[in-house]
Structure formats: structure tokens, C-alpha cells
């Protein structure tokens, strides 16, 4: 049990931090007003996540980018459309939170790791991560306007109109700076050798954002006497179905278009994963309320479900390889 908890420390910490912020909302309320601090945390975390990304792998993928372009289309087009359709099952903050989740880019933290674990082509996932994050300053505001525009107040519409500039500064600029700094040979080697440490520091930054969002959720729930709690089970079911549906949809499309098995896996995983950091920032900074819950649920789903799927895919493909060898 201790070894399991040590491996899953982030999931355990996520649960503890969320409960602390949710049930101790009055204690942590001052933290929710630190807007500049939260923005700085987002920029630093994105920088640390992007620093270990291998530019050479991205360059190799650009020679044959079709699988990565398909994964990006699944992530940036099909998933938001599917979420938009399924959002009719939800209402209020649960619906808005689902649409926010669908609009954000692929995660920098786990897409390549889980693809590699499943036996897929991680260079495809790296390129999907780069494409979706670099373009998120346009795609994310676009989908939010399209899917939630009729529900927005004039003030929020004005803030969303300025979102492209803000996301460019908080996401695109730190990524570009990280890759620029990485071109220094010693720094590049240092970042590659300390990928695990940088990942851990990034996750600590994410936990601070979770604390802020959970505190806001706790304050909202205390003012509504828990009237929104009945929406949680349905939201959970919708999020799980959405993630799994897009994973298998990506796999099927890649297979239908003739991509090799490792590329199919990469399209399925990178096409269906979403960035917790960017989603939390948008939920907290622009919408508030309980909108972080679908984003957190989606992240927990992609961590747990994709672990099981990745191990199953590797085992299944290993069995196929052995079978072909024995048949030969």
C-alpha cells in the first residue's frame, strides 16, 4: 500500500488539497484573490513543463506530421464538438466547466509519457502537445465564444475578447522561452536529465491552483446549501464517457486512415487528453463557481483510465507480437 501511494502521490495530494480547500474555504479565501500570483504560477509551470520537451523529436515528427495533425484535430475540433453535444445533459456550472475542459489544449505533462507506456509513438504526442498549446490562444477563446456565448454577460464577453493575448503571454510565451533556453547545450542536457524533478515541481504548482479553485467551490457551495450536489454523478458520468469516446474515436480514425499501430495509440491518447493547468486558470480567472469540477474530474479520469488502457494496449500488442513470431 505504501509503495502504491508513493507512485500515486499526485492523485493522493490532489484529493487532500481539494478537500482542504473545499471544507476549509474560509481559511484559504485570501489566496483566491491573489490574481497576479496565480498568473505567475501558470507561466512558471508551463515553462517547467515545456523545458524537457525534446525539440529534436518535434523536428522529426514535422517530416511526417499527418498523424500529429489528426491527433490535434481530434483534440481541438472533435472533442469540443462532442462536449458541446453532451453538455445538454448538464446545467449551470457543470455544463460550463465541461465546455471549458473541452476547449483547452492537450496536456504537456502526461500525453507523451502515457503514449510511451502504451507502446505508441511518443513523437506524435509531443507534436500534438506543441500544436495544441501554441494555438490555444486562438482555439480556446473561439470554442468558449461558440459554445457559451449566449450565456455570457457583456462584461465576461469583453474579458474573453482579451483572452487570446492573455493566453499567448501565459502559455505560448513560456513554451517558446523554454525551448529557446533549451537550445543551450548544458541547459538542454540538464532539463532532460531532471525531467522527473521538473515534473514534480510542476505538479506542486498545479496543486496550488487546485487549492484556489477548491476554495472558491467551497465558498459557492456554502452559499447554496449544497443544492448543486445532485449534478455531480451525472457530470462524472458524462466526463468519463466523453474521454473514453474520444480516445477510441482517435484510435479508430487513425486506423481507418491507414496509420501504423504506434501512431494510432498516439492519436488516441494525445487527442483525448486535456491540460489541467490551463483549464484551472480559465475556470478560476474567468468563470468561477463550480466550473473547476469537470476539469478536475476529466484530469483524474485521464490519469486513471489511460493508465489501465495503456497497460492493456501494451500487453495486447505484446501478445500479438508473440503470436506472429510463433506463427512464423
Protein backbone atom coordinates (compact mmCIF):
# COMPACT_ATOMS: atom_id res chain seq x y z
CA UNK A 1 0.00 0.00 0.00
CA UNK A 2 2.82 2.42 0.85
CA UNK A 3 4.52 1.76 -2.49
CA UNK A 4 1.22 2.27 -4.33
CA UNK A 5 0.56 5.57 -2.55
CA UNK A 6 4.10 6.69 -3.29
CA UNK A 7 3.60 6.03 -7.01
CA UNK A 8 0.22 7.77 -6.96
CA UNK A 9 1.30 10.67 -4.74
CA UNK A 10 -0.15 13.28 -7.09
CA UNK A 11 -3.63 11.73 -7.07
CA UNK A 12 -3.50 11.43 -3.28
CA UNK A 13 -2.24 15.01 -2.92
CA UNK A 14 -4.88 16.25 -5.36
CA UNK A 15 -7.60 14.70 -3.22
CA UNK A 16 -6.17 16.07 0.02
CA UNK A 17 -5.63 19.59 -1.34
CA UNK A 18 -9.09 19.73 -2.88
CA UNK A 19 -10.74 18.59 0.36
CA UNK A 20 -8.67 21.08 2.36
CA UNK A 21 -9.70 23.97 0.12
CA UNK A 22 -13.32 22.85 -0.18
CA UNK A 23 -14.00 22.21 3.50
CA UNK A 24 -11.64 24.91 4.80
CA UNK A 25 -12.73 27.57 2.33
CA UNK A 26 -12.91 30.34 4.94
CA UNK A 27 -9.26 29.77 5.92
CA UNK A 28 -7.93 29.88 2.34
CA UNK A 29 -10.22 32.60 0.98
CA UNK A 30 -7.45 35.28 0.89
CA UNK A 31 -5.48 33.06 -1.51
CA UNK A 32 -8.30 33.18 -4.07
CA UNK A 33 -7.79 36.94 -4.50
CA UNK A 34 -4.10 36.64 -5.45
CA UNK A 35 -4.68 37.01 -9.19
CA UNK A 36 -1.13 38.03 -10.10
CA UNK A 37 0.33 35.17 -8.07
CA UNK A 38 -1.89 32.64 -9.86
CA UNK A 39 -0.89 34.04 -13.26
CA UNK A 40 2.79 33.79 -12.32
CA UNK A 41 2.29 30.19 -11.18
CA UNK A 42 0.66 29.31 -14.51
CA UNK A 43 3.52 30.82 -16.53
CA UNK A 44 6.23 29.16 -14.41
CA UNK A 45 4.54 25.75 -14.51
CA UNK A 46 4.11 25.91 -18.30
CA UNK A 47 7.79 26.86 -18.60
CA UNK A 48 8.90 23.92 -16.44
CA UNK A 49 6.66 21.51 -18.34
CA UNK A 50 7.95 22.69 -21.70
CA UNK A 51 11.65 22.75 -20.78
CA UNK A 52 12.20 18.95 -21.02
CA UNK A 53 10.33 18.69 -24.37
CA UNK A 54 12.79 17.41 -26.95
CA UNK A 55 12.90 19.87 -29.85
CA UNK A 56 14.63 17.23 -31.97
CA UNK A 57 11.64 14.89 -31.57
CA UNK A 58 9.32 17.66 -32.69
CA UNK A 59 11.53 18.27 -35.72
CA UNK A 60 11.47 14.56 -36.61
CA UNK A 61 7.68 14.50 -36.36
CA UNK A 62 7.37 17.51 -38.68
CA UNK A 63 8.83 15.44 -41.50
CA UNK A 64 5.70 13.27 -41.42
CA UNK A 65 3.15 15.30 -39.46
CA UNK A 66 -0.09 13.68 -40.61
CA UNK A 67 -0.69 11.56 -37.50
CA UNK A 68 0.02 14.56 -35.27
CA UNK A 69 -2.33 16.75 -37.32
CA UNK A 70 -5.04 14.11 -36.91
CA UNK A 71 -4.44 13.98 -33.15
CA UNK A 72 -4.60 17.78 -32.99
CA UNK A 73 -7.88 17.78 -34.94
CA UNK A 74 -9.36 15.23 -32.55
CA UNK A 75 -8.24 17.33 -29.57
CA UNK A 76 -9.17 20.78 -30.91
CA UNK A 77 -12.22 20.02 -33.09
CA UNK A 78 -13.90 16.68 -32.44
CA UNK A 79 -13.62 16.77 -28.66
CA UNK A 80 -15.11 20.29 -28.27
CA UNK A 81 -17.93 19.36 -30.67
CA UNK A 82 -18.66 16.15 -28.76
CA UNK A 83 -18.60 18.01 -25.43
CA UNK A 84 -20.91 20.67 -26.84
CA UNK A 85 -23.42 17.99 -27.80
CA UNK A 86 -23.17 16.16 -24.47
CA UNK A 87 -23.35 19.39 -22.46
CA UNK A 88 -27.12 19.47 -23.00
CA UNK A 89 -27.29 16.78 -20.30
CA UNK A 90 -25.83 19.21 -17.75
CA UNK A 91 -26.73 22.67 -16.49
CA UNK A 92 -25.13 25.71 -14.87
CA UNK A 93 -21.52 25.45 -13.75
CA UNK A 94 -21.29 21.75 -14.61
CA UNK A 95 -22.15 22.50 -18.24
CA UNK A 96 -19.81 25.49 -18.44
CA UNK A 97 -16.99 23.54 -16.79
CA UNK A 98 -17.36 20.73 -19.33
CA UNK A 99 -17.13 23.22 -22.21
CA UNK A 100 -14.06 24.85 -20.66
CA UNK A 101 -12.43 21.43 -20.31
CA UNK A 102 -13.07 20.61 -23.96
CA UNK A 103 -11.65 23.93 -25.18
CA UNK A 104 -8.18 23.73 -23.59
CA UNK A 105 -5.11 22.17 -25.27
CA UNK A 106 -3.52 18.77 -24.75
CA UNK A 107 -1.62 18.35 -21.51
CA UNK A 108 2.12 18.96 -21.52
CA UNK A 109 2.67 16.61 -18.62
CA UNK A 110 1.41 13.13 -19.50
CA UNK A 111 0.45 12.66 -23.17
CA UNK A 112 3.91 11.55 -24.31
CA UNK A 113 4.51 9.54 -21.12
CA UNK A 114 1.27 7.57 -21.43
CA UNK A 115 1.81 7.07 -25.17
CA UNK A 116 5.24 5.64 -24.50
CA UNK A 117 3.81 3.45 -21.74
CA UNK A 118 1.23 2.04 -24.16
CA UNK A 119 3.86 1.27 -26.79
CA UNK A 120 2.86 4.16 -29.03
CA UNK A 121 4.84 6.75 -30.99
CA UNK A 122 5.58 9.44 -28.41
CA UNK A 123 7.00 11.82 -31.02
CA UNK A 124 3.45 12.15 -32.40
CA UNK A 125 2.13 13.03 -28.94
CA UNK A 126 4.89 15.59 -28.42
CA UNK A 127 3.95 17.32 -31.68
CA UNK A 128 0.22 17.24 -30.79
CA UNK A 129 1.12 18.84 -27.47
CA UNK A 130 3.12 21.55 -29.24
CA UNK A 131 0.46 22.28 -31.87
CA UNK A 132 -2.47 22.48 -29.47
CA UNK A 133 -0.67 24.57 -26.87
CA UNK A 134 0.83 27.01 -29.36
CA UNK A 135 -2.57 27.54 -30.99
CA UNK A 136 -4.66 27.57 -27.79
CA UNK A 137 -4.62 31.36 -27.58
CA UNK A 138 -6.91 31.24 -30.65
CA UNK A 139 -8.76 27.92 -30.39
CA UNK A 140 -9.72 28.13 -26.70
CA UNK A 141 -11.41 31.57 -26.88
CA UNK A 142 -13.07 30.53 -30.16
CA UNK A 143 -14.73 27.47 -28.64
CA UNK A 144 -15.73 29.31 -25.48
CA UNK A 145 -17.42 32.02 -27.53
CA UNK A 146 -19.15 29.47 -29.77
CA UNK A 147 -20.36 27.14 -27.03
CA UNK A 148 -21.08 29.55 -24.17
CA UNK A 149 -21.57 32.88 -25.94
CA UNK A 150 -25.34 33.04 -25.46
CA UNK A 151 -24.90 32.67 -21.68
CA UNK A 152 -22.17 35.27 -21.22
CA UNK A 153 -22.66 38.66 -19.66
CA UNK A 154 -21.34 41.67 -21.61
CA UNK A 155 -18.54 42.03 -19.04
CA UNK A 156 -17.44 38.41 -19.46
CA UNK A 157 -17.63 38.70 -23.23
CA UNK A 158 -15.25 41.63 -23.02
CA UNK A 159 -12.84 39.66 -20.84
CA UNK A 160 -12.96 36.67 -23.18
CA UNK A 161 -12.22 39.01 -26.09
CA UNK A 162 -8.91 39.79 -24.35
CA UNK A 163 -8.22 36.12 -23.61
CA UNK A 164 -6.08 35.47 -26.74
CA UNK A 165 -3.48 37.99 -25.59
CA UNK A 166 -3.52 36.64 -22.05
CA UNK A 167 -3.16 33.01 -23.13
CA UNK A 168 -0.38 33.97 -25.53
CA UNK A 169 1.51 35.50 -22.60
CA UNK A 170 0.75 32.73 -20.09
CA UNK A 171 1.06 29.64 -22.33
CA UNK A 172 2.69 30.33 -25.69
CA UNK A 173 5.42 32.72 -24.46
CA UNK A 174 6.65 30.44 -21.60
CA UNK A 175 6.74 27.48 -24.02
CA UNK A 176 8.73 29.47 -26.56
CA UNK A 177 11.14 30.74 -23.89
CA UNK A 178 11.61 27.21 -22.54
CA UNK A 179 12.52 25.88 -25.97
CA UNK A 180 14.80 28.86 -26.61
CA UNK A 181 16.64 28.32 -23.31
CA UNK A 182 16.82 24.59 -24.03
CA UNK A 183 18.92 25.27 -27.14
CA UNK A 184 21.86 25.90 -24.81
CA UNK A 185 23.56 22.51 -24.75
CA UNK A 186 24.18 22.33 -21.00
CA UNK A 187 20.69 23.52 -20.09
CA UNK A 188 19.11 21.09 -22.54
CA UNK A 189 21.03 18.16 -21.06
CA UNK A 190 20.20 19.33 -17.52
CA UNK A 191 16.48 19.56 -18.30
CA UNK A 192 16.41 16.13 -19.94
CA UNK A 193 18.23 14.56 -17.01
CA UNK A 194 15.92 16.20 -14.47
CA UNK A 195 12.62 15.68 -16.26
CA UNK A 196 11.17 13.92 -13.22
CA UNK A 197 12.16 16.73 -10.85
CA UNK A 198 10.70 19.39 -13.15
CA UNK A 199 7.53 17.36 -13.46
CA UNK A 200 7.21 17.15 -9.69
CA UNK A 201 7.70 20.91 -9.29
CA UNK A 202 5.08 21.49 -11.99
CA UNK A 203 2.61 19.25 -10.19
CA UNK A 204 3.17 21.21 -6.96
CA UNK A 205 2.26 24.36 -8.89
CA UNK A 206 -0.88 22.64 -10.18
CA UNK A 207 -1.83 21.70 -6.60
CA UNK A 208 -1.69 25.38 -5.62
CA UNK A 209 -4.19 26.14 -8.40
CA UNK A 210 -6.39 23.28 -7.25
CA UNK A 211 -6.38 24.77 -3.73
CA UNK A 212 -7.55 28.12 -5.08
CA UNK A 213 -10.29 26.56 -7.19
CA UNK A 214 -11.45 24.23 -4.42
CA UNK A 215 -11.67 27.18 -2.04
CA UNK A 216 -13.92 29.02 -4.48
CA UNK A 217 -16.06 25.89 -4.85
CA UNK A 218 -16.36 25.63 -1.08
CA UNK A 219 -17.46 29.25 -0.80
CA UNK A 220 -20.06 28.75 -3.54
CA UNK A 221 -21.42 25.55 -2.00
CA UNK A 222 -21.68 27.14 1.44
CA UNK A 223 -23.87 29.83 -0.10
CA UNK A 224 -26.15 27.41 -1.93
CA UNK A 225 -26.61 24.85 0.87
CA UNK A 226 -25.26 22.11 -1.37
CA UNK A 227 -28.09 22.43 -3.91
CA UNK A 228 -25.68 21.61 -6.77
CA UNK A 229 -24.52 18.29 -5.30
CA UNK A 230 -27.13 16.32 -7.25
CA UNK A 231 -25.39 17.32 -10.50
CA UNK A 232 -22.08 15.63 -9.58
CA UNK A 233 -22.90 11.98 -10.50
CA UNK A 234 -24.25 12.91 -13.93
CA UNK A 235 -21.30 15.23 -14.59
CA UNK A 236 -18.89 12.45 -13.62
CA UNK A 237 -20.57 10.01 -15.99
CA UNK A 238 -20.58 12.49 -18.87
CA UNK A 239 -16.87 13.32 -18.38
CA UNK A 240 -15.83 9.65 -18.29
CA UNK A 241 -17.87 8.79 -21.39
CA UNK A 242 -16.52 11.84 -23.25
CA UNK A 243 -12.90 10.98 -22.56
CA UNK A 244 -13.21 7.29 -23.44
CA UNK A 245 -15.31 8.05 -26.52
CA UNK A 246 -12.71 10.45 -27.93
CA UNK A 247 -9.85 8.09 -27.09
CA UNK A 248 -11.37 5.25 -29.10
CA UNK A 249 -12.56 7.65 -31.80
CA UNK A 250 -8.97 8.84 -32.28
CA UNK A 251 -7.71 5.26 -32.42
CA UNK A 252 -10.37 4.27 -34.95
CA UNK A 253 -9.82 7.30 -37.20
CA UNK A 254 -6.06 6.69 -37.25
CA UNK A 255 -6.62 3.04 -38.13
CA UNK A 256 -9.20 3.94 -40.80
CA UNK A 257 -6.73 6.35 -42.40
CA UNK A 258 -4.02 3.70 -42.51
CA UNK A 259 -1.66 4.81 -39.75
CA UNK A 260 0.51 2.23 -38.03
CA UNK A 261 -0.43 0.87 -34.61
CA UNK A 262 2.03 3.07 -32.60
CA UNK A 263 0.64 6.15 -34.32
CA UNK A 264 -2.95 5.01 -33.67
CA UNK A 265 -2.16 4.83 -29.97
CA UNK A 266 -0.54 8.28 -30.01
CA UNK A 267 -3.56 9.84 -31.74
CA UNK A 268 -5.96 8.22 -29.27
CA UNK A 269 -4.08 9.34 -26.17
CA UNK A 270 -2.94 12.82 -27.21
CA UNK A 271 -6.25 13.55 -28.94
CA UNK A 272 -8.27 12.85 -25.79
CA UNK A 273 -6.08 14.35 -23.04
CA UNK A 274 -6.51 17.91 -21.76
CA UNK A 275 -4.36 20.38 -19.81
CA UNK A 276 -5.38 20.70 -16.16
CA UNK A 277 -3.23 23.81 -15.66
CA UNK A 278 -4.80 25.84 -18.48
CA UNK A 279 -8.29 24.60 -17.62
CA UNK A 280 -7.96 25.56 -13.97
CA UNK A 281 -6.68 29.01 -14.89
CA UNK A 282 -9.64 29.71 -17.19
CA UNK A 283 -12.18 28.29 -14.75
CA UNK A 284 -10.87 30.30 -11.80
CA UNK A 285 -9.97 33.52 -13.61
CA UNK A 286 -12.97 33.91 -15.88
CA UNK A 287 -15.94 31.81 -14.73
CA UNK A 288 -15.56 30.83 -11.06
CA UNK A 289 -18.23 28.89 -9.19
CA UNK A 290 -18.06 25.12 -9.54
CA UNK A 291 -16.64 25.14 -13.06
CA UNK A 292 -13.33 23.58 -11.96
CA UNK A 293 -15.05 20.31 -11.03
CA UNK A 294 -15.47 18.95 -14.59
CA UNK A 295 -11.85 19.89 -15.36
CA UNK A 296 -10.56 18.07 -12.27
CA UNK A 297 -12.80 15.08 -12.97
CA UNK A 298 -11.53 14.90 -16.54
CA UNK A 299 -7.92 15.03 -15.35
CA UNK A 300 -8.47 12.27 -12.80
CA UNK A 301 -10.17 10.21 -15.50
CA UNK A 302 -7.32 10.58 -17.97
CA UNK A 303 -4.76 9.68 -15.31
CA UNK A 304 -6.55 6.57 -14.06
CA UNK A 305 -8.36 5.31 -17.17
CA UNK A 306 -5.42 5.93 -19.50
CA UNK A 307 -3.10 4.05 -17.14
CA UNK A 308 -5.32 0.97 -17.39
CA UNK A 309 -5.76 1.38 -21.15
CA UNK A 310 -2.04 1.94 -21.75
CA UNK A 311 -1.07 -1.21 -19.83
CA UNK A 312 -3.79 -3.19 -21.63
CA UNK A 313 -2.64 -1.97 -25.05
CA UNK A 314 0.98 -2.82 -24.34
CA UNK A 315 0.03 -6.29 -23.09
CA UNK A 316 -2.31 -6.89 -26.04
CA UNK A 317 0.23 -5.74 -28.61
CA UNK A 318 2.88 -7.85 -26.90
CA UNK A 319 0.61 -10.86 -27.23
CA UNK A 320 0.05 -10.16 -30.92
CA UNK A 321 3.83 -9.88 -31.47
CA UNK A 322 4.46 -13.21 -29.76
CA UNK A 323 1.67 -14.81 -31.77
CA UNK A 324 3.11 -13.57 -35.06
CA UNK A 325 6.57 -14.79 -34.09
CA UNK A 326 5.26 -18.24 -33.17
CA UNK A 327 3.23 -18.38 -36.38
CA UNK A 328 6.33 -17.55 -38.38
